[in-house]
Amino acid sequence: MQKKYSEHPAMFRNNPLGFILAVILIPLAVGIIILMVWYLKCKSTRLDFIGNDLVLERGLLSKNRTELDVSRIRTVNVYQSFFNRIFGVGRISIYTAGDDPEIDVSGLPDPHDLRELIKAEQDA
């Protein structure tokens, strides 16, 4: 199976002001802790589009894996604030049925590309 999309949430591009503040706090050692926790949180989340499935994996030691068949996806919502648009990241929410999203991930690079991939796969 071929991966069409595979990304972790971005750190700096997702929250540049928080990143700069954490770097400023490095001399107090608080910044290092903030950056390490943030880094691990970003690296423990991954969204993959493999074959005809959208796969969200969360966790470092214990894993939570959600798989969605693209043909069952009803709605893809992309939200980008002004700063998100400048840095090319956004929040993506994917709904299959009901009012709660099955997959909801913030800080993904190029969320509109993923939305277009899902639509193209549904049309094929």
N, C-alpha and C. Protein backbone atom coordinates (compact mmCIF):
# COMPACT_ATOMS: atom_id res chain seq x y z
N MET A 1 0.83 -1.18 0.00
CA MET A 1 0.00 0.00 0.00
C MET A 1 0.87 1.24 0.00
N GLN A 2 0.40 2.24 -0.66
CA GLN A 2 1.17 3.46 -0.83
C GLN A 2 0.67 4.54 0.11
N LYS A 3 1.60 5.22 0.81
CA LYS A 3 1.23 6.34 1.66
C LYS A 3 1.07 7.57 0.78
N LYS A 4 -0.10 8.20 0.89
CA LYS A 4 -0.36 9.41 0.12
C LYS A 4 -0.15 10.66 0.96
N TYR A 5 -0.25 10.50 2.29
CA TYR A 5 -0.08 11.61 3.22
C TYR A 5 0.40 11.02 4.53
N SER A 6 1.39 11.59 5.14
CA SER A 6 1.89 11.11 6.42
C SER A 6 2.54 12.29 7.14
N GLU A 7 1.90 12.76 8.21
CA GLU A 7 2.41 13.94 8.90
C GLU A 7 2.18 13.85 10.40
N HIS A 8 3.09 14.49 11.14
CA HIS A 8 2.93 14.77 12.56
C HIS A 8 2.48 16.23 12.65
N PRO A 9 1.80 16.62 13.74
CA PRO A 9 1.53 18.06 13.92
C PRO A 9 2.84 18.83 14.02
N ALA A 10 2.84 20.03 13.48
CA ALA A 10 4.04 20.87 13.50
C ALA A 10 4.14 21.60 14.85
N MET A 11 5.36 21.83 15.30
CA MET A 11 5.55 22.55 16.57
C MET A 11 5.56 24.06 16.32
N PHE A 12 6.61 24.55 15.69
CA PHE A 12 6.77 26.00 15.53
C PHE A 12 5.64 26.59 14.68
N ARG A 13 5.35 25.96 13.56
CA ARG A 13 4.35 26.52 12.64
C ARG A 13 2.95 26.52 13.24
N ASN A 14 2.68 25.61 14.17
CA ASN A 14 1.36 25.55 14.78
C ASN A 14 1.15 26.64 15.82
N ASN A 15 2.19 26.97 16.58
CA ASN A 15 2.09 27.98 17.62
C ASN A 15 3.42 28.72 17.74
N PRO A 16 3.70 29.64 16.81
CA PRO A 16 5.01 30.29 16.82
C PRO A 16 5.26 31.15 18.06
N LEU A 17 4.23 31.81 18.57
CA LEU A 17 4.43 32.65 19.75
C LEU A 17 4.74 31.80 20.98
N GLY A 18 4.05 30.69 21.15
CA GLY A 18 4.34 29.78 22.25
C GLY A 18 5.74 29.18 22.15
N PHE A 19 6.16 28.88 20.93
CA PHE A 19 7.50 28.34 20.72
C PHE A 19 8.56 29.36 21.11
N ILE A 20 8.38 30.60 20.68
CA ILE A 20 9.34 31.67 21.01
C ILE A 20 9.38 31.90 22.51
N LEU A 21 8.22 31.89 23.16
CA LEU A 21 8.17 32.06 24.61
C LEU A 21 8.90 30.92 25.32
N ALA A 22 8.71 29.69 24.86
CA ALA A 22 9.41 28.55 25.46
C ALA A 22 10.91 28.67 25.28
N VAL A 23 11.36 29.13 24.13
CA VAL A 23 12.80 29.32 23.89
C VAL A 23 13.35 30.40 24.81
N ILE A 24 12.59 31.46 25.02
CA ILE A 24 13.02 32.53 25.93
C ILE A 24 13.16 32.01 27.36
N LEU A 25 12.30 31.05 27.74
CA LEU A 25 12.32 30.50 29.10
C LEU A 25 13.35 29.40 29.31
N ILE A 26 14.13 29.07 28.29
CA ILE A 26 15.15 28.02 28.42
C ILE A 26 16.15 28.30 29.54
N PRO A 27 16.63 29.54 29.73
CA PRO A 27 17.58 29.77 30.83
C PRO A 27 17.00 29.45 32.21
N LEU A 28 15.67 29.46 32.34
CA LEU A 28 15.05 29.14 33.62
C LEU A 28 14.73 27.65 33.75
N ALA A 29 15.10 26.86 32.76
CA ALA A 29 14.86 25.42 32.69
C ALA A 29 13.39 25.07 32.45
N VAL A 30 12.50 26.00 32.63
CA VAL A 30 11.08 25.76 32.36
C VAL A 30 10.87 25.61 30.86
N GLY A 31 11.60 26.37 30.08
CA GLY A 31 11.48 26.32 28.62
C GLY A 31 11.85 24.95 28.06
N ILE A 32 12.87 24.33 28.63
CA ILE A 32 13.29 23.00 28.17
C ILE A 32 12.19 21.98 28.43
N ILE A 33 11.59 22.06 29.61
CA ILE A 33 10.51 21.13 29.95
C ILE A 33 9.32 21.34 29.02
N ILE A 34 8.96 22.57 28.79
CA ILE A 34 7.83 22.88 27.90
C ILE A 34 8.11 22.34 26.49
N LEU A 35 9.31 22.61 25.98
CA LEU A 35 9.65 22.15 24.64
C LEU A 35 9.70 20.63 24.54
N MET A 36 10.22 19.95 25.55
CA MET A 36 10.28 18.49 25.53
C MET A 36 8.88 17.87 25.55
N VAL A 37 8.01 18.37 26.42
CA VAL A 37 6.64 17.85 26.50
C VAL A 37 5.92 18.12 25.19
N TRP A 38 6.08 19.31 24.65
CA TRP A 38 5.44 19.69 23.39
C TRP A 38 5.95 18.82 22.24
N TYR A 39 7.27 18.60 22.20
CA TYR A 39 7.86 17.77 21.16
C TYR A 39 7.32 16.34 21.22
N LEU A 40 7.30 15.77 22.41
CA LEU A 40 6.79 14.41 22.56
C LEU A 40 5.31 14.32 22.20
N LYS A 41 4.56 15.35 22.54
CA LYS A 41 3.13 15.37 22.18
C LYS A 41 2.95 15.40 20.67
N CYS A 42 3.76 16.19 19.99
CA CYS A 42 3.67 16.27 18.52
C CYS A 42 4.13 14.98 17.87
N LYS A 43 5.22 14.41 18.33
CA LYS A 43 5.76 13.19 17.72
C LYS A 43 4.94 11.95 18.06
N SER A 44 4.11 12.03 19.08
CA SER A 44 3.29 10.87 19.43
C SER A 44 1.97 10.85 18.67
N THR A 45 1.73 11.83 17.83
CA THR A 45 0.52 11.89 17.01
C THR A 45 0.93 11.85 15.55
N ARG A 46 0.29 10.97 14.78
CA ARG A 46 0.61 10.84 13.36
C ARG A 46 -0.66 10.51 12.59
N LEU A 47 -0.86 11.24 11.48
CA LEU A 47 -1.99 10.98 10.59
C LEU A 47 -1.46 10.50 9.25
N ASP A 48 -1.90 9.31 8.85
CA ASP A 48 -1.45 8.69 7.59
C ASP A 48 -2.66 8.43 6.70
N PHE A 49 -2.46 8.61 5.41
CA PHE A 49 -3.46 8.23 4.42
C PHE A 49 -2.82 7.10 3.62
N ILE A 50 -3.21 5.87 3.92
CA ILE A 50 -2.60 4.69 3.33
C ILE A 50 -3.67 3.93 2.55
N GLY A 51 -3.43 3.74 1.26
CA GLY A 51 -4.40 3.03 0.43
C GLY A 51 -5.73 3.74 0.42
N ASN A 52 -6.74 3.12 1.00
CA ASN A 52 -8.08 3.70 1.05
C ASN A 52 -8.48 4.00 2.50
N ASP A 53 -7.49 4.03 3.42
CA ASP A 53 -7.76 4.24 4.84
C ASP A 53 -7.04 5.47 5.35
N LEU A 54 -7.71 6.16 6.25
CA LEU A 54 -7.12 7.27 6.99
C LEU A 54 -6.83 6.73 8.39
N VAL A 55 -5.57 6.82 8.83
CA VAL A 55 -5.14 6.21 10.08
C VAL A 55 -4.55 7.28 10.99
N LEU A 56 -5.14 7.41 12.19
CA LEU A 56 -4.64 8.32 13.21
C LEU A 56 -4.07 7.49 14.35
N GLU A 57 -2.78 7.70 14.66
CA GLU A 57 -2.13 7.01 15.78
C GLU A 57 -1.71 8.05 16.80
N ARG A 58 -2.05 7.77 18.06
CA ARG A 58 -1.65 8.65 19.16
C ARG A 58 -1.01 7.80 20.24
N GLY A 59 0.01 8.36 20.88
CA GLY A 59 0.63 7.70 22.02
C GLY A 59 2.07 7.32 21.79
N LEU A 60 2.83 7.29 22.90
CA LEU A 60 4.22 6.86 22.87
C LEU A 60 4.37 5.44 23.39
N LEU A 61 3.98 5.22 24.63
CA LEU A 61 4.12 3.89 25.21
C LEU A 61 2.89 3.04 24.91
N SER A 62 1.73 3.59 25.11
CA SER A 62 0.51 2.89 24.71
C SER A 62 -0.04 3.60 23.49
N LYS A 63 -0.57 2.86 22.55
CA LYS A 63 -1.03 3.42 21.28
C LYS A 63 -2.55 3.38 21.19
N ASN A 64 -3.10 4.43 20.61
CA ASN A 64 -4.51 4.49 20.26
C ASN A 64 -4.56 4.70 18.75
N ARG A 65 -5.16 3.76 18.03
CA ARG A 65 -5.17 3.82 16.57
C ARG A 65 -6.61 3.86 16.08
N THR A 66 -6.92 4.86 15.26
CA THR A 66 -8.24 5.00 14.65
C THR A 66 -8.08 4.90 13.15
N GLU A 67 -8.82 3.99 12.53
CA GLU A 67 -8.78 3.82 11.08
C GLU A 67 -10.16 4.10 10.51
N LEU A 68 -10.18 4.88 9.44
CA LEU A 68 -11.42 5.20 8.74
C LEU A 68 -11.29 4.84 7.27
N ASP A 69 -12.31 4.18 6.75
CA ASP A 69 -12.38 3.93 5.32
C ASP A 69 -12.85 5.23 4.67
N VAL A 70 -12.13 5.67 3.65
CA VAL A 70 -12.42 6.95 3.02
C VAL A 70 -13.84 7.00 2.45
N SER A 71 -14.35 5.88 2.01
CA SER A 71 -15.70 5.88 1.43
C SER A 71 -16.78 6.18 2.47
N ARG A 72 -16.46 6.04 3.76
CA ARG A 72 -17.44 6.30 4.82
C ARG A 72 -17.38 7.74 5.34
N ILE A 73 -16.41 8.51 4.90
CA ILE A 73 -16.27 9.89 5.36
C ILE A 73 -17.36 10.75 4.73
N ARG A 74 -18.06 11.50 5.58
CA ARG A 74 -19.13 12.39 5.12
C ARG A 74 -18.68 13.84 5.01
N THR A 75 -17.91 14.30 6.01
CA THR A 75 -17.53 15.71 6.06
C THR A 75 -16.08 15.84 6.50
N VAL A 76 -15.36 16.74 5.84
CA VAL A 76 -14.00 17.09 6.24
C VAL A 76 -13.99 18.59 6.50
N ASN A 77 -13.70 18.97 7.73
CA ASN A 77 -13.69 20.37 8.13
C ASN A 77 -12.25 20.81 8.38
N VAL A 78 -11.82 21.87 7.71
CA VAL A 78 -10.48 22.42 7.92
C VAL A 78 -10.64 23.81 8.52
N TYR A 79 -10.00 24.04 9.66
CA TYR A 79 -10.02 25.36 10.30
C TYR A 79 -8.60 25.90 10.35
N GLN A 80 -8.44 27.14 9.91
CA GLN A 80 -7.14 27.80 9.97
C GLN A 80 -7.35 29.23 10.45
N SER A 81 -6.66 29.58 11.54
CA SER A 81 -6.66 30.97 11.98
C SER A 81 -5.76 31.76 11.03
N PHE A 82 -5.69 33.05 11.25
CA PHE A 82 -4.85 33.90 10.40
C PHE A 82 -3.39 33.43 10.44
N PHE A 83 -2.87 33.19 11.66
CA PHE A 83 -1.48 32.74 11.78
C PHE A 83 -1.30 31.35 11.20
N ASN A 84 -2.30 30.47 11.37
CA ASN A 84 -2.22 29.13 10.77
C ASN A 84 -2.10 29.22 9.26
N ARG A 85 -2.86 30.11 8.65
CA ARG A 85 -2.80 30.27 7.19
C ARG A 85 -1.43 30.77 6.75
N ILE A 86 -0.86 31.69 7.51
CA ILE A 86 0.47 32.21 7.17
C ILE A 86 1.51 31.10 7.22
N PHE A 87 1.44 30.23 8.23
CA PHE A 87 2.44 29.18 8.42
C PHE A 87 2.06 27.85 7.76
N GLY A 88 0.89 27.78 7.12
CA GLY A 88 0.52 26.59 6.35
C GLY A 88 0.12 25.38 7.17
N VAL A 89 -0.48 25.62 8.35
CA VAL A 89 -0.97 24.52 9.18
C VAL A 89 -2.44 24.74 9.48
N GLY A 90 -3.08 23.75 10.07
CA GLY A 90 -4.49 23.91 10.42
C GLY A 90 -5.01 22.73 11.20
N ARG A 91 -6.26 22.88 11.60
CA ARG A 91 -6.96 21.82 12.33
C ARG A 91 -7.88 21.12 11.36
N ILE A 92 -7.85 19.78 11.37
CA ILE A 92 -8.72 19.02 10.48
C ILE A 92 -9.62 18.13 11.34
N SER A 93 -10.91 18.17 11.04
CA SER A 93 -11.90 17.35 11.72
C SER A 93 -12.60 16.52 10.65
N ILE A 94 -12.68 15.21 10.88
CA ILE A 94 -13.27 14.30 9.90
C ILE A 94 -14.45 13.59 10.55
N TYR A 95 -15.59 13.71 9.89
CA TYR A 95 -16.84 13.16 10.39
C TYR A 95 -17.30 12.02 9.48
N THR A 96 -17.78 10.94 10.11
CA THR A 96 -18.39 9.86 9.34
C THR A 96 -19.90 9.90 9.53
N ALA A 97 -20.35 10.05 10.74
CA ALA A 97 -21.78 10.16 11.05
C ALA A 97 -21.89 10.83 12.41
N GLY A 98 -22.98 11.51 12.64
CA GLY A 98 -23.19 12.14 13.93
C GLY A 98 -22.55 13.51 14.03
N ASP A 99 -22.54 14.03 15.26
CA ASP A 99 -22.08 15.40 15.50
C ASP A 99 -20.64 15.49 15.98
N ASP A 100 -20.06 14.37 16.41
CA ASP A 100 -18.69 14.39 16.91
C ASP A 100 -17.74 13.86 15.84
N PRO A 101 -16.59 14.53 15.68
CA PRO A 101 -15.63 14.05 14.67
C PRO A 101 -14.98 12.74 15.09
N GLU A 102 -14.76 11.88 14.13
CA GLU A 102 -14.03 10.63 14.38
C GLU A 102 -12.54 10.91 14.54
N ILE A 103 -12.04 11.85 13.75
CA ILE A 103 -10.64 12.26 13.81
C ILE A 103 -10.60 13.77 13.91
N ASP A 104 -9.83 14.27 14.88
CA ASP A 104 -9.69 15.71 15.10
C ASP A 104 -8.24 15.97 15.48
N VAL A 105 -7.48 16.63 14.60
CA VAL A 105 -6.05 16.85 14.82
C VAL A 105 -5.72 18.31 14.51
N SER A 106 -5.00 18.95 15.42
CA SER A 106 -4.55 20.33 15.23
C SER A 106 -3.11 20.38 14.79
N GLY A 107 -2.76 21.43 14.06
CA GLY A 107 -1.37 21.68 13.71
C GLY A 107 -0.84 20.88 12.55
N LEU A 108 -1.71 20.28 11.75
CA LEU A 108 -1.23 19.49 10.61
C LEU A 108 -0.76 20.39 9.48
N PRO A 109 0.40 20.09 8.90
CA PRO A 109 0.86 20.84 7.74
C PRO A 109 -0.03 20.54 6.53
N ASP A 110 -0.32 21.54 5.76
CA ASP A 110 -1.08 21.44 4.51
C ASP A 110 -2.39 20.67 4.66
N PRO A 111 -3.30 21.13 5.53
CA PRO A 111 -4.55 20.39 5.73
C PRO A 111 -5.44 20.36 4.50
N HIS A 112 -5.36 21.39 3.65
CA HIS A 112 -6.18 21.42 2.44
C HIS A 112 -5.72 20.35 1.44
N ASP A 113 -4.43 20.04 1.44
CA ASP A 113 -3.94 18.95 0.57
C ASP A 113 -4.56 17.62 0.98
N LEU A 114 -4.65 17.38 2.29
CA LEU A 114 -5.27 16.15 2.77
C LEU A 114 -6.75 16.12 2.40
N ARG A 115 -7.43 17.24 2.56
CA ARG A 115 -8.85 17.31 2.20
C ARG A 115 -9.04 17.00 0.72
N GLU A 116 -8.18 17.53 -0.13
CA GLU A 116 -8.27 17.26 -1.56
C GLU A 116 -7.97 15.80 -1.89
N LEU A 117 -7.00 15.21 -1.18
CA LEU A 117 -6.71 13.78 -1.38
C LEU A 117 -7.92 12.91 -1.03
N ILE A 118 -8.59 13.25 0.07
CA ILE A 118 -9.78 12.50 0.49
C ILE A 118 -10.88 12.63 -0.55
N LYS A 119 -11.12 13.84 -1.03
CA LYS A 119 -12.15 14.04 -2.05
C LYS A 119 -11.83 13.30 -3.34
N ALA A 120 -10.57 13.35 -3.75
CA ALA A 120 -10.16 12.66 -4.98
C ALA A 120 -10.34 11.16 -4.83
N GLU A 121 -10.02 10.62 -3.66
CA GLU A 121 -10.16 9.19 -3.43
C GLU A 121 -11.64 8.78 -3.41
N GLN A 122 -12.49 9.65 -2.88
CA GLN A 122 -13.92 9.37 -2.85
C GLN A 122 -14.53 9.39 -4.26
N ASP A 123 -14.02 10.28 -5.10
CA ASP A 123 -14.54 10.41 -6.48
C ASP A 123 -14.06 9.28 -7.38
N ALA A 124 -12.92 8.66 -7.02
CA ALA A 124 -12.35 7.61 -7.87
C ALA A 124 -13.11 6.31 -7.78
